[in-house]
């Protein structure tokens, strides 16, 4: 049933996007020579993506081989405006940035925050503001703040900075003489959510984007127990030496924000359009417990 609902959502999204004819899209654009030199002479922009984080990126059905979602539509539109064909390469979250560094893809647009640590190695273009949330099943009213997780089991996706949040919280709990959490890590965010459903975990940490999508797909199943302050910003990561690509991404994403295309994609996937008015400030220093995916 869940797969069928995802399928309907994806169909609605595709119909909506085609009907809207995103403002400013350039179907006949010709890529510049410098951009082709950085992305390959075949005119293909490759995006490494972890399709386990709806509605940002996910597989429509268990048999699907092409992901759908906000980030997919985003990069497809960027490619169209730059005159490039887009290929999305499914990759586990922990392998996304290593794949970019190794040259197996040109960009990574996969619901990843901008962090100072990542920006020491990669460059990135901001595109959507989001908040970290603590999520439980709807009937669990025992958790209203992070400290309420003492003695519970929390499931999170491996390789995310959610683990840093929980490790810092465990240190605080231990210092206060309270029982620590059991932290379970899983290769996909959908796996972490499944642990909530089957009762193996009491809570998970995710994004407000996923929480909004889950409420559409499985209404009344989950609740946001706590929203962390200070929203973060998703970024399209690329190699720092790709200067033509950096300039093209900056101009194209800003154009999509200004002409409403980015907000249209957000609305299509049931996300707050306010997130499309993203912050352009890049982090310069990483706090000890910055909530980041």
C-alpha atoms as a PDB file:
ATOM      1  CA  UNK A   1       0.000   0.000   0.000  1.00  0.00           C
ATOM      2  CA  UNK A   2       2.813   2.390   0.834  1.00  0.00           C
ATOM      3  CA  UNK A   3       4.397   1.775  -2.567  1.00  0.00           C
ATOM      4  CA  UNK A   4       1.126   2.464  -4.328  1.00  0.00           C
ATOM      5  CA  UNK A   5       0.717   5.781  -2.477  1.00  0.00           C
ATOM      6  CA  UNK A   6       4.278   6.758  -3.393  1.00  0.00           C
ATOM      7  CA  UNK A   7       3.450   5.938  -6.994  1.00  0.00           C
ATOM      8  CA  UNK A   8       0.417   8.188  -7.027  1.00  0.00           C
ATOM      9  CA  UNK A   9       2.427  11.008  -5.489  1.00  0.00           C
ATOM     10  CA  UNK A  10       5.107  10.665  -8.174  1.00  0.00           C
ATOM     11  CA  UNK A  11       2.508  10.694 -10.957  1.00  0.00           C
ATOM     12  CA  UNK A  12       0.891  13.807  -9.484  1.00  0.00           C
ATOM     13  CA  UNK A  13       4.318  15.432  -9.315  1.00  0.00           C
ATOM     14  CA  UNK A  14       5.164  14.673 -12.932  1.00  0.00           C
ATOM     15  CA  UNK A  15       1.794  15.893 -14.169  1.00  0.00           C
ATOM     16  CA  UNK A  16       2.044  19.063 -12.101  1.00  0.00           C
ATOM     17  CA  UNK A  17       5.524  19.884 -13.302  1.00  0.00           C
ATOM     18  CA  UNK A  18       4.654  19.328 -16.940  1.00  0.00           C
ATOM     19  CA  UNK A  19       1.500  21.405 -16.597  1.00  0.00           C
ATOM     20  CA  UNK A  20       3.295  24.241 -14.865  1.00  0.00           C
ATOM     21  CA  UNK A  21       6.017  24.455 -17.548  1.00  0.00           C
ATOM     22  CA  UNK A  22       8.510  25.716 -15.022  1.00  0.00           C
ATOM     23  CA  UNK A  23       9.207  29.422 -15.441  1.00  0.00           C
ATOM     24  CA  UNK A  24      12.338  30.227 -17.346  1.00  0.00           C
ATOM     25  CA  UNK A  25      13.184  26.665 -18.393  1.00  0.00           C
ATOM     26  CA  UNK A  26      15.478  26.612 -21.405  1.00  0.00           C
ATOM     27  CA  UNK A  27      14.675  23.535 -23.457  1.00  0.00           C
ATOM     28  CA  UNK A  28      17.004  24.443 -26.334  1.00  0.00           C
ATOM     29  CA  UNK A  29      19.960  25.772 -24.334  1.00  0.00           C
ATOM     30  CA  UNK A  30      23.453  25.064 -25.619  1.00  0.00           C
ATOM     31  CA  UNK A  31      26.116  24.290 -22.996  1.00  0.00           C
ATOM     32  CA  UNK A  32      29.239  26.449 -23.005  1.00  0.00           C
ATOM     33  CA  UNK A  33      32.527  24.858 -24.022  1.00  0.00           C
ATOM     34  CA  UNK A  34      34.022  25.355 -20.545  1.00  0.00           C
ATOM     35  CA  UNK A  35      31.044  23.603 -18.966  1.00  0.00           C
ATOM     36  CA  UNK A  36      31.329  20.684 -21.380  1.00  0.00           C
ATOM     37  CA  UNK A  37      35.017  20.390 -20.584  1.00  0.00           C
ATOM     38  CA  UNK A  38      34.173  19.916 -16.899  1.00  0.00           C
ATOM     39  CA  UNK A  39      31.181  17.604 -17.290  1.00  0.00           C
ATOM     40  CA  UNK A  40      32.324  15.572 -20.291  1.00  0.00           C
ATOM     41  CA  UNK A  41      32.012  16.061 -24.021  1.00  0.00           C
ATOM     42  CA  UNK A  42      28.880  13.866 -24.109  1.00  0.00           C
ATOM     43  CA  UNK A  43      26.890  16.741 -22.617  1.00  0.00           C
ATOM     44  CA  UNK A  44      25.697  14.702 -19.623  1.00  0.00           C
ATOM     45  CA  UNK A  45      25.494  16.057 -16.091  1.00  0.00           C
ATOM     46  CA  UNK A  46      25.746  13.123 -13.664  1.00  0.00           C
ATOM     47  CA  UNK A  47      24.216  13.401 -10.193  1.00  0.00           C
ATOM     48  CA  UNK A  48      25.026  10.881  -7.461  1.00  0.00           C
ATOM     49  CA  UNK A  49      21.933  10.442  -5.316  1.00  0.00           C
ATOM     50  CA  UNK A  50      20.788   8.240  -2.422  1.00  0.00           C
ATOM     51  CA  UNK A  51      17.161   7.372  -3.325  1.00  0.00           C
ATOM     52  CA  UNK A  52      16.046   6.550   0.220  1.00  0.00           C
ATOM     53  CA  UNK A  53      15.029  10.003   1.423  1.00  0.00           C
ATOM     54  CA  UNK A  54      11.523  10.916   0.245  1.00  0.00           C
ATOM     55  CA  UNK A  55      10.401  13.326  -1.015  1.00  0.00           C
ATOM     56  CA  UNK A  56      13.895  14.552  -1.918  1.00  0.00           C
ATOM     57  CA  UNK A  57      14.776  11.335  -3.761  1.00  0.00           C
ATOM     58  CA  UNK A  58      13.257   7.862  -3.713  1.00  0.00           C
ATOM     59  CA  UNK A  59      12.225   4.960  -5.918  1.00  0.00           C
ATOM     60  CA  UNK A  60       8.574   5.005  -6.946  1.00  0.00           C
ATOM     61  CA  UNK A  61       8.228   1.214  -6.609  1.00  0.00           C
ATOM     62  CA  UNK A  62      10.411  -1.675  -5.504  1.00  0.00           C
ATOM     63  CA  UNK A  63      11.069  -2.422  -9.181  1.00  0.00           C
ATOM     64  CA  UNK A  64      11.949   1.147 -10.193  1.00  0.00           C
ATOM     65  CA  UNK A  65      15.431   1.915 -11.500  1.00  0.00           C
ATOM     66  CA  UNK A  66      14.998   5.685 -11.946  1.00  0.00           C
ATOM     67  CA  UNK A  67      14.554   7.797  -8.796  1.00  0.00           C
ATOM     68  CA  UNK A  68      11.994  10.594  -8.454  1.00  0.00           C
ATOM     69  CA  UNK A  69      11.683  13.504  -6.046  1.00  0.00           C
ATOM     70  CA  UNK A  70      12.496  17.141  -5.356  1.00  0.00           C
ATOM     71  CA  UNK A  71      16.235  16.823  -6.008  1.00  0.00           C
ATOM     72  CA  UNK A  72      15.614  14.846  -9.180  1.00  0.00           C
ATOM     73  CA  UNK A  73      13.321  17.561 -10.547  1.00  0.00           C
ATOM     74  CA  UNK A  74      15.788  20.224  -9.420  1.00  0.00           C
ATOM     75  CA  UNK A  75      18.778  18.752 -11.241  1.00  0.00           C
ATOM     76  CA  UNK A  76      16.677  17.861 -14.298  1.00  0.00           C
ATOM     77  CA  UNK A  77      15.612  21.517 -14.561  1.00  0.00           C
ATOM     78  CA  UNK A  78      19.168  22.742 -14.014  1.00  0.00           C
ATOM     79  CA  UNK A  79      20.317  20.420 -16.790  1.00  0.00           C
ATOM     80  CA  UNK A  80      17.570  21.614 -19.133  1.00  0.00           C
ATOM     81  CA  UNK A  81      18.520  25.255 -18.574  1.00  0.00           C
ATOM     82  CA  UNK A  82      22.181  24.470 -19.200  1.00  0.00           C
ATOM     83  CA  UNK A  83      21.525  22.344 -22.266  1.00  0.00           C
ATOM     84  CA  UNK A  84      22.802  19.176 -20.580  1.00  0.00           C
ATOM     85  CA  UNK A  85      21.305  15.706 -20.383  1.00  0.00           C
ATOM     86  CA  UNK A  86      20.999  14.537 -16.776  1.00  0.00           C
ATOM     87  CA  UNK A  87      21.831  11.098 -15.399  1.00  0.00           C
ATOM     88  CA  UNK A  88      21.056  10.209 -11.782  1.00  0.00           C
ATOM     89  CA  UNK A  89      23.369   7.577 -10.316  1.00  0.00           C
ATOM     90  CA  UNK A  90      21.911   5.717  -7.290  1.00  0.00           C
ATOM     91  CA  UNK A  91      24.570   5.597  -4.553  1.00  0.00           C
ATOM     92  CA  UNK A  92      24.464   4.820  -0.835  1.00  0.00           C
ATOM     93  CA  UNK A  93      24.620   7.923   1.342  1.00  0.00           C
ATOM     94  CA  UNK A  94      28.042   7.125   2.784  1.00  0.00           C
ATOM     95  CA  UNK A  95      29.437   6.843  -0.750  1.00  0.00           C
ATOM     96  CA  UNK A  96      27.991  10.042  -2.229  1.00  0.00           C
ATOM     97  CA  UNK A  97      30.832  12.505  -1.591  1.00  0.00           C
ATOM     98  CA  UNK A  98      33.574   9.881  -2.088  1.00  0.00           C
ATOM     99  CA  UNK A  99      32.028   9.175  -5.516  1.00  0.00           C
ATOM    100  CA  UNK A 100      32.095  12.897  -6.315  1.00  0.00           C
ATOM    101  CA  UNK A 101      35.710  13.166  -5.213  1.00  0.00           C
ATOM    102  CA  UNK A 102      36.631  10.154  -7.359  1.00  0.00           C
ATOM    103  CA  UNK A 103      35.021  11.738 -10.428  1.00  0.00           C
ATOM    104  CA  UNK A 104      32.199   9.215 -10.790  1.00  0.00           C
ATOM    105  CA  UNK A 105      29.664  12.055 -10.886  1.00  0.00           C
ATOM    106  CA  UNK A 106      29.652  15.797 -11.562  1.00  0.00           C
ATOM    107  CA  UNK A 107      27.366  16.833  -8.698  1.00  0.00           C
ATOM    108  CA  UNK A 108      25.700  15.468  -5.587  1.00  0.00           C
ATOM    109  CA  UNK A 109      22.197  16.817  -4.970  1.00  0.00           C
ATOM    110  CA  UNK A 110      20.810  14.403  -2.419  1.00  0.00           C
ATOM    111  CA  UNK A 111      19.447  16.246   0.600  1.00  0.00           C
ATOM    112  CA  UNK A 112      22.890  17.013   2.056  1.00  0.00           C
ATOM    113  CA  UNK A 113      23.487  20.033   4.259  1.00  0.00           C
ATOM    114  CA  UNK A 114      26.119  22.626   3.760  1.00  0.00           C
ATOM    115  CA  UNK A 115      28.699  22.121   6.514  1.00  0.00           C
ATOM    116  CA  UNK A 116      32.094  23.696   7.091  1.00  0.00           C
ATOM    117  CA  UNK A 117      33.719  20.270   7.187  1.00  0.00           C
ATOM    118  CA  UNK A 118      32.361  19.270   3.789  1.00  0.00           C
ATOM    119  CA  UNK A 119      33.209  22.643   2.292  1.00  0.00           C
ATOM    120  CA  UNK A 120      36.855  22.097   3.170  1.00  0.00           C
ATOM    121  CA  UNK A 121      36.920  19.475   0.401  1.00  0.00           C
ATOM    122  CA  UNK A 122      34.046  20.363  -1.917  1.00  0.00           C
ATOM    123  CA  UNK A 123      32.261  23.414  -3.277  1.00  0.00           C
ATOM    124  CA  UNK A 124      28.476  23.675  -3.091  1.00  0.00           C
ATOM    125  CA  UNK A 125      25.524  25.712  -4.310  1.00  0.00           C
ATOM    126  CA  UNK A 126      22.732  26.316  -1.748  1.00  0.00           C
ATOM    127  CA  UNK A 127      19.177  25.577  -2.900  1.00  0.00           C
ATOM    128  CA  UNK A 128      16.700  24.864  -0.063  1.00  0.00           C
ATOM    129  CA  UNK A 129      16.391  25.671   3.655  1.00  0.00           C
ATOM    130  CA  UNK A 130      15.295  22.863   5.958  1.00  0.00           C
ATOM    131  CA  UNK A 131      15.094  21.966   9.648  1.00  0.00           C
ATOM    132  CA  UNK A 132      16.109  18.857  11.568  1.00  0.00           C
ATOM    133  CA  UNK A 133      13.261  17.176  13.445  1.00  0.00           C
ATOM    134  CA  UNK A 134      12.903  14.439  16.023  1.00  0.00           C
ATOM    135  CA  UNK A 135      10.143  12.089  14.872  1.00  0.00           C
ATOM    136  CA  UNK A 136       8.205   9.388  16.729  1.00  0.00           C
ATOM    137  CA  UNK A 137       5.061   7.379  16.141  1.00  0.00           C
ATOM    138  CA  UNK A 138       1.919   9.433  16.641  1.00  0.00           C
ATOM    139  CA  UNK A 139       0.894   7.593  19.797  1.00  0.00           C
ATOM    140  CA  UNK A 140       4.234   8.235  21.515  1.00  0.00           C
ATOM    141  CA  UNK A 141       3.675  11.339  23.626  1.00  0.00           C
ATOM    142  CA  UNK A 142       6.578  10.640  25.984  1.00  0.00           C
ATOM    143  CA  UNK A 143       9.098  12.513  23.822  1.00  0.00           C
ATOM    144  CA  UNK A 144       8.835  16.295  23.537  1.00  0.00           C
ATOM    145  CA  UNK A 145      12.518  17.289  23.680  1.00  0.00           C
ATOM    146  CA  UNK A 146      15.904  15.654  23.061  1.00  0.00           C
ATOM    147  CA  UNK A 147      16.495  14.976  26.763  1.00  0.00           C
ATOM    148  CA  UNK A 148      13.364  12.795  26.785  1.00  0.00           C
ATOM    149  CA  UNK A 149      15.309  10.260  24.712  1.00  0.00           C
ATOM    150  CA  UNK A 150      17.218   9.087  27.798  1.00  0.00           C
ATOM    151  CA  UNK A 151      17.118   5.291  27.926  1.00  0.00           C
ATOM    152  CA  UNK A 152      15.389   4.951  24.540  1.00  0.00           C
ATOM    153  CA  UNK A 153      16.425   3.468  21.194  1.00  0.00           C
ATOM    154  CA  UNK A 154      16.920   5.859  18.275  1.00  0.00           C
ATOM    155  CA  UNK A 155      17.335   4.761  14.635  1.00  0.00           C
ATOM    156  CA  UNK A 156      19.250   6.977  12.182  1.00  0.00           C
ATOM    157  CA  UNK A 157      20.866   6.737   8.779  1.00  0.00           C
ATOM    158  CA  UNK A 158      24.563   5.882   8.729  1.00  0.00           C
ATOM    159  CA  UNK A 159      26.972   8.554   7.551  1.00  0.00           C
ATOM    160  CA  UNK A 160      24.767  11.488   8.581  1.00  0.00           C
ATOM    161  CA  UNK A 161      25.518  14.132  11.162  1.00  0.00           C
ATOM    162  CA  UNK A 162      22.411  12.964  12.997  1.00  0.00           C
ATOM    163  CA  UNK A 163      24.806  10.535  14.663  1.00  0.00           C
ATOM    164  CA  UNK A 164      26.867  13.470  15.941  1.00  0.00           C
ATOM    165  CA  UNK A 165      23.730  14.993  17.471  1.00  0.00           C
ATOM    166  CA  UNK A 166      22.952  11.761  19.273  1.00  0.00           C
ATOM    167  CA  UNK A 167      26.524  11.182  20.423  1.00  0.00           C
ATOM    168  CA  UNK A 168      26.628  14.700  21.881  1.00  0.00           C
ATOM    169  CA  UNK A 169      23.278  14.115  23.570  1.00  0.00           C
ATOM    170  CA  UNK A 170      24.511  10.814  25.026  1.00  0.00           C
ATOM    171  CA  UNK A 171      27.507  12.621  26.501  1.00  0.00           C
ATOM    172  CA  UNK A 172      25.164  15.168  28.113  1.00  0.00           C
ATOM    173  CA  UNK A 173      22.887  12.444  29.468  1.00  0.00           C
ATOM    174  CA  UNK A 174      25.801  10.525  30.929  1.00  0.00           C
ATOM    175  CA  UNK A 175      27.219  13.663  32.542  1.00  0.00           C
ATOM    176  CA  UNK A 176      23.804  14.286  34.131  1.00  0.00           C
ATOM    177  CA  UNK A 177      23.664  10.742  35.477  1.00  0.00           C
ATOM    178  CA  UNK A 178      20.818   9.720  33.152  1.00  0.00           C
ATOM    179  CA  UNK A 179      20.626   6.547  31.055  1.00  0.00           C
ATOM    180  CA  UNK A 180      22.043   6.940  27.563  1.00  0.00           C
ATOM    181  CA  UNK A 181      20.339   6.082  24.298  1.00  0.00           C
ATOM    182  CA  UNK A 182      20.916   3.021  22.160  1.00  0.00           C
ATOM    183  CA  UNK A 183      21.798   4.359  18.697  1.00  0.00           C
ATOM    184  CA  UNK A 184      20.947   2.116  15.751  1.00  0.00           C
ATOM    185  CA  UNK A 185      22.378   3.016  12.321  1.00  0.00           C
ATOM    186  CA  UNK A 186      21.027   1.866   8.968  1.00  0.00           C
ATOM    187  CA  UNK A 187      22.264   2.349   5.393  1.00  0.00           C
ATOM    188  CA  UNK A 188      19.049   4.073   4.251  1.00  0.00           C
ATOM    189  CA  UNK A 189      16.751   6.601   5.881  1.00  0.00           C
ATOM    190  CA  UNK A 190      13.774   4.465   4.884  1.00  0.00           C
ATOM    191  CA  UNK A 191      15.290   1.655   6.994  1.00  0.00           C
ATOM    192  CA  UNK A 192      15.434   3.944  10.024  1.00  0.00           C
ATOM    193  CA  UNK A 193      11.777   4.910   9.531  1.00  0.00           C
ATOM    194  CA  UNK A 194      10.841   1.241   9.263  1.00  0.00           C
ATOM    195  CA  UNK A 195      12.319   0.584  12.712  1.00  0.00           C
ATOM    196  CA  UNK A 196       9.786   3.033  14.150  1.00  0.00           C
ATOM    197  CA  UNK A 197       6.928   1.281  12.401  1.00  0.00           C
ATOM    198  CA  UNK A 198       7.867  -2.210  13.597  1.00  0.00           C
ATOM    199  CA  UNK A 199       8.617  -1.031  17.137  1.00  0.00           C
ATOM    200  CA  UNK A 200      12.386  -1.621  17.213  1.00  0.00           C
ATOM    201  CA  UNK A 201      13.090   2.096  17.790  1.00  0.00           C
ATOM    202  CA  UNK A 202      11.389   4.826  19.791  1.00  0.00           C
ATOM    203  CA  UNK A 203      12.432   7.755  17.608  1.00  0.00           C
ATOM    204  CA  UNK A 204      14.411   8.850  14.583  1.00  0.00           C
ATOM    205  CA  UNK A 205      16.025  12.085  13.468  1.00  0.00           C
ATOM    206  CA  UNK A 206      15.222  13.318   9.989  1.00  0.00           C
ATOM    207  CA  UNK A 207      14.251  16.480   8.089  1.00  0.00           C
ATOM    208  CA  UNK A 208      11.071  18.492   8.104  1.00  0.00           C
ATOM    209  CA  UNK A 209      10.937  17.670   4.387  1.00  0.00           C
ATOM    210  CA  UNK A 210      10.568  13.945   5.054  1.00  0.00           C
ATOM    211  CA  UNK A 211       8.173  14.536   7.939  1.00  0.00           C
ATOM    212  CA  UNK A 212       5.894  16.564   5.647  1.00  0.00           C
ATOM    213  CA  UNK A 213       5.983  13.863   3.003  1.00  0.00           C
ATOM    214  CA  UNK A 214       5.286  11.081   5.511  1.00  0.00           C
ATOM    215  CA  UNK A 215       2.227  12.959   6.735  1.00  0.00           C
ATOM    216  CA  UNK A 216       0.915  13.085   3.160  1.00  0.00           C
ATOM    217  CA  UNK A 217       1.664   9.433   2.472  1.00  0.00           C
ATOM    218  CA  UNK A 218       0.873   7.927   5.884  1.00  0.00           C
ATOM    219  CA  UNK A 219      -1.367  10.469   7.637  1.00  0.00           C
ATOM    220  CA  UNK A 220      -1.565  10.119  11.391  1.00  0.00           C
ATOM    221  CA  UNK A 221       1.263   7.586  11.620  1.00  0.00           C
ATOM    222  CA  UNK A 222       4.082   9.855  12.818  1.00  0.00           C
ATOM    223  CA  UNK A 223       4.485  13.048  14.816  1.00  0.00           C
ATOM    224  CA  UNK A 224       7.194  15.688  15.000  1.00  0.00           C
ATOM    225  CA  UNK A 225       8.200  15.558  18.647  1.00  0.00           C
ATOM    226  CA  UNK A 226      10.773  18.352  18.433  1.00  0.00           C
ATOM    227  CA  UNK A 227      12.135  20.740  15.813  1.00  0.00           C
ATOM    228  CA  UNK A 228      15.770  21.727  16.238  1.00  0.00           C
ATOM    229  CA  UNK A 229      16.447  25.482  16.039  1.00  0.00           C
ATOM    230  CA  UNK A 230      18.509  27.197  13.346  1.00  0.00           C
ATOM    231  CA  UNK A 231      17.468  25.700   9.984  1.00  0.00           C
ATOM    232  CA  UNK A 232      20.205  24.394   7.716  1.00  0.00           C
ATOM    233  CA  UNK A 233      20.554  24.598   3.937  1.00  0.00           C
ATOM    234  CA  UNK A 234      20.736  21.790   1.395  1.00  0.00           C
ATOM    235  CA  UNK A 235      23.472  22.189  -1.207  1.00  0.00           C
ATOM    236  CA  UNK A 236      24.446  20.841  -4.620  1.00  0.00           C
ATOM    237  CA  UNK A 237      28.012  19.648  -4.073  1.00  0.00           C
ATOM    238  CA  UNK A 238      30.642  19.643  -6.813  1.00  0.00           C
ATOM    239  CA  UNK A 239      34.406  19.566  -7.120  1.00  0.00           C
ATOM    240  CA  UNK A 240      36.027  22.927  -6.301  1.00  0.00           C
ATOM    241  CA  UNK A 241      38.118  22.993  -9.484  1.00  0.00           C
ATOM    242  CA  UNK A 242      34.932  22.923 -11.617  1.00  0.00           C
ATOM    243  CA  UNK A 243      34.705  26.721 -11.832  1.00  0.00           C
ATOM    244  CA  UNK A 244      32.495  26.853 -14.926  1.00  0.00           C
ATOM    245  CA  UNK A 245      30.054  24.450 -13.297  1.00  0.00           C
ATOM    246  CA  UNK A 246      30.091  26.489 -10.070  1.00  0.00           C
ATOM    247  CA  UNK A 247      29.212  29.674 -11.936  1.00  0.00           C
ATOM    248  CA  UNK A 248      26.538  27.907 -13.976  1.00  0.00           C
ATOM    249  CA  UNK A 249      24.926  26.395 -10.883  1.00  0.00           C
ATOM    250  CA  UNK A 250      24.958  29.711  -9.030  1.00  0.00           C
ATOM    251  CA  UNK A 251      23.275  31.566 -11.896  1.00  0.00           C
ATOM    252  CA  UNK A 252      20.785  28.792 -12.700  1.00  0.00           C
ATOM    253  CA  UNK A 253      19.634  28.044  -9.147  1.00  0.00           C
ATOM    254  CA  UNK A 254      19.313  31.770  -8.396  1.00  0.00           C
ATOM    255  CA  UNK A 255      17.256  32.102 -11.551  1.00  0.00           C
ATOM    256  CA  UNK A 256      14.997  29.236 -10.491  1.00  0.00           C
ATOM    257  CA  UNK A 257      14.501  30.884  -7.108  1.00  0.00           C
ATOM    258  CA  UNK A 258      13.722  34.271  -8.646  1.00  0.00           C
ATOM    259  CA  UNK A 259      11.329  33.052 -11.353  1.00  0.00           C
ATOM    260  CA  UNK A 260       9.406  30.712  -9.027  1.00  0.00           C
ATOM    261  CA  UNK A 261      10.536  27.404 -10.502  1.00  0.00           C
ATOM    262  CA  UNK A 262      12.151  26.260  -7.262  1.00  0.00           C
ATOM    263  CA  UNK A 263       9.025  27.059  -5.247  1.00  0.00           C
ATOM    264  CA  UNK A 264       6.933  25.212  -7.840  1.00  0.00           C
ATOM    265  CA  UNK A 265       9.026  22.070  -7.357  1.00  0.00           C
ATOM    266  CA  UNK A 266       8.707  22.384  -3.574  1.00  0.00           C
ATOM    267  CA  UNK A 267       4.942  22.762  -3.828  1.00  0.00           C
ATOM    268  CA  UNK A 268       4.732  19.766  -6.141  1.00  0.00           C
ATOM    269  CA  UNK A 269       6.302  17.559  -3.495  1.00  0.00           C
ATOM    270  CA  UNK A 270       4.256  18.989  -0.631  1.00  0.00           C
ATOM    271  CA  UNK A 271       7.133  20.980   0.880  1.00  0.00           C
ATOM    272  CA  UNK A 272       7.049  24.511   2.304  1.00  0.00           C
ATOM    273  CA  UNK A 273       7.674  27.003  -0.493  1.00  0.00           C
ATOM    274  CA  UNK A 274       9.472  29.235   2.024  1.00  0.00           C
ATOM    275  CA  UNK A 275      12.423  26.842   1.856  1.00  0.00           C
ATOM    276  CA  UNK A 276      13.029  27.969  -1.732  1.00  0.00           C
ATOM    277  CA  UNK A 277      14.098  31.370  -0.373  1.00  0.00           C
ATOM    278  CA  UNK A 278      17.309  29.697   0.726  1.00  0.00           C
ATOM    279  CA  UNK A 279      20.151  31.238   2.667  1.00  0.00           C
ATOM    280  CA  UNK A 280      23.240  32.011   0.608  1.00  0.00           C
ATOM    281  CA  UNK A 281      25.497  32.225   3.647  1.00  0.00           C
ATOM    282  CA  UNK A 282      28.034  29.400   3.682  1.00  0.00           C
ATOM    283  CA  UNK A 283      29.119  27.969   7.045  1.00  0.00           C
ATOM    284  CA  UNK A 284      32.625  28.943   8.079  1.00  0.00           C
ATOM    285  CA  UNK A 285      32.942  26.984  11.298  1.00  0.00           C
ATOM    286  CA  UNK A 286      31.228  23.841  12.507  1.00  0.00           C
ATOM    287  CA  UNK A 287      29.768  23.978  16.028  1.00  0.00           C
ATOM    288  CA  UNK A 288      30.277  20.882  18.141  1.00  0.00           C
ATOM    289  CA  UNK A 289      26.689  19.730  17.721  1.00  0.00           C
ATOM    290  CA  UNK A 290      25.453  21.201  14.464  1.00  0.00           C
ATOM    291  CA  UNK A 291      22.344  19.264  13.360  1.00  0.00           C
ATOM    292  CA  UNK A 292      23.171  18.241   9.807  1.00  0.00           C
ATOM    293  CA  UNK A 293      22.292  15.415   7.477  1.00  0.00           C
END
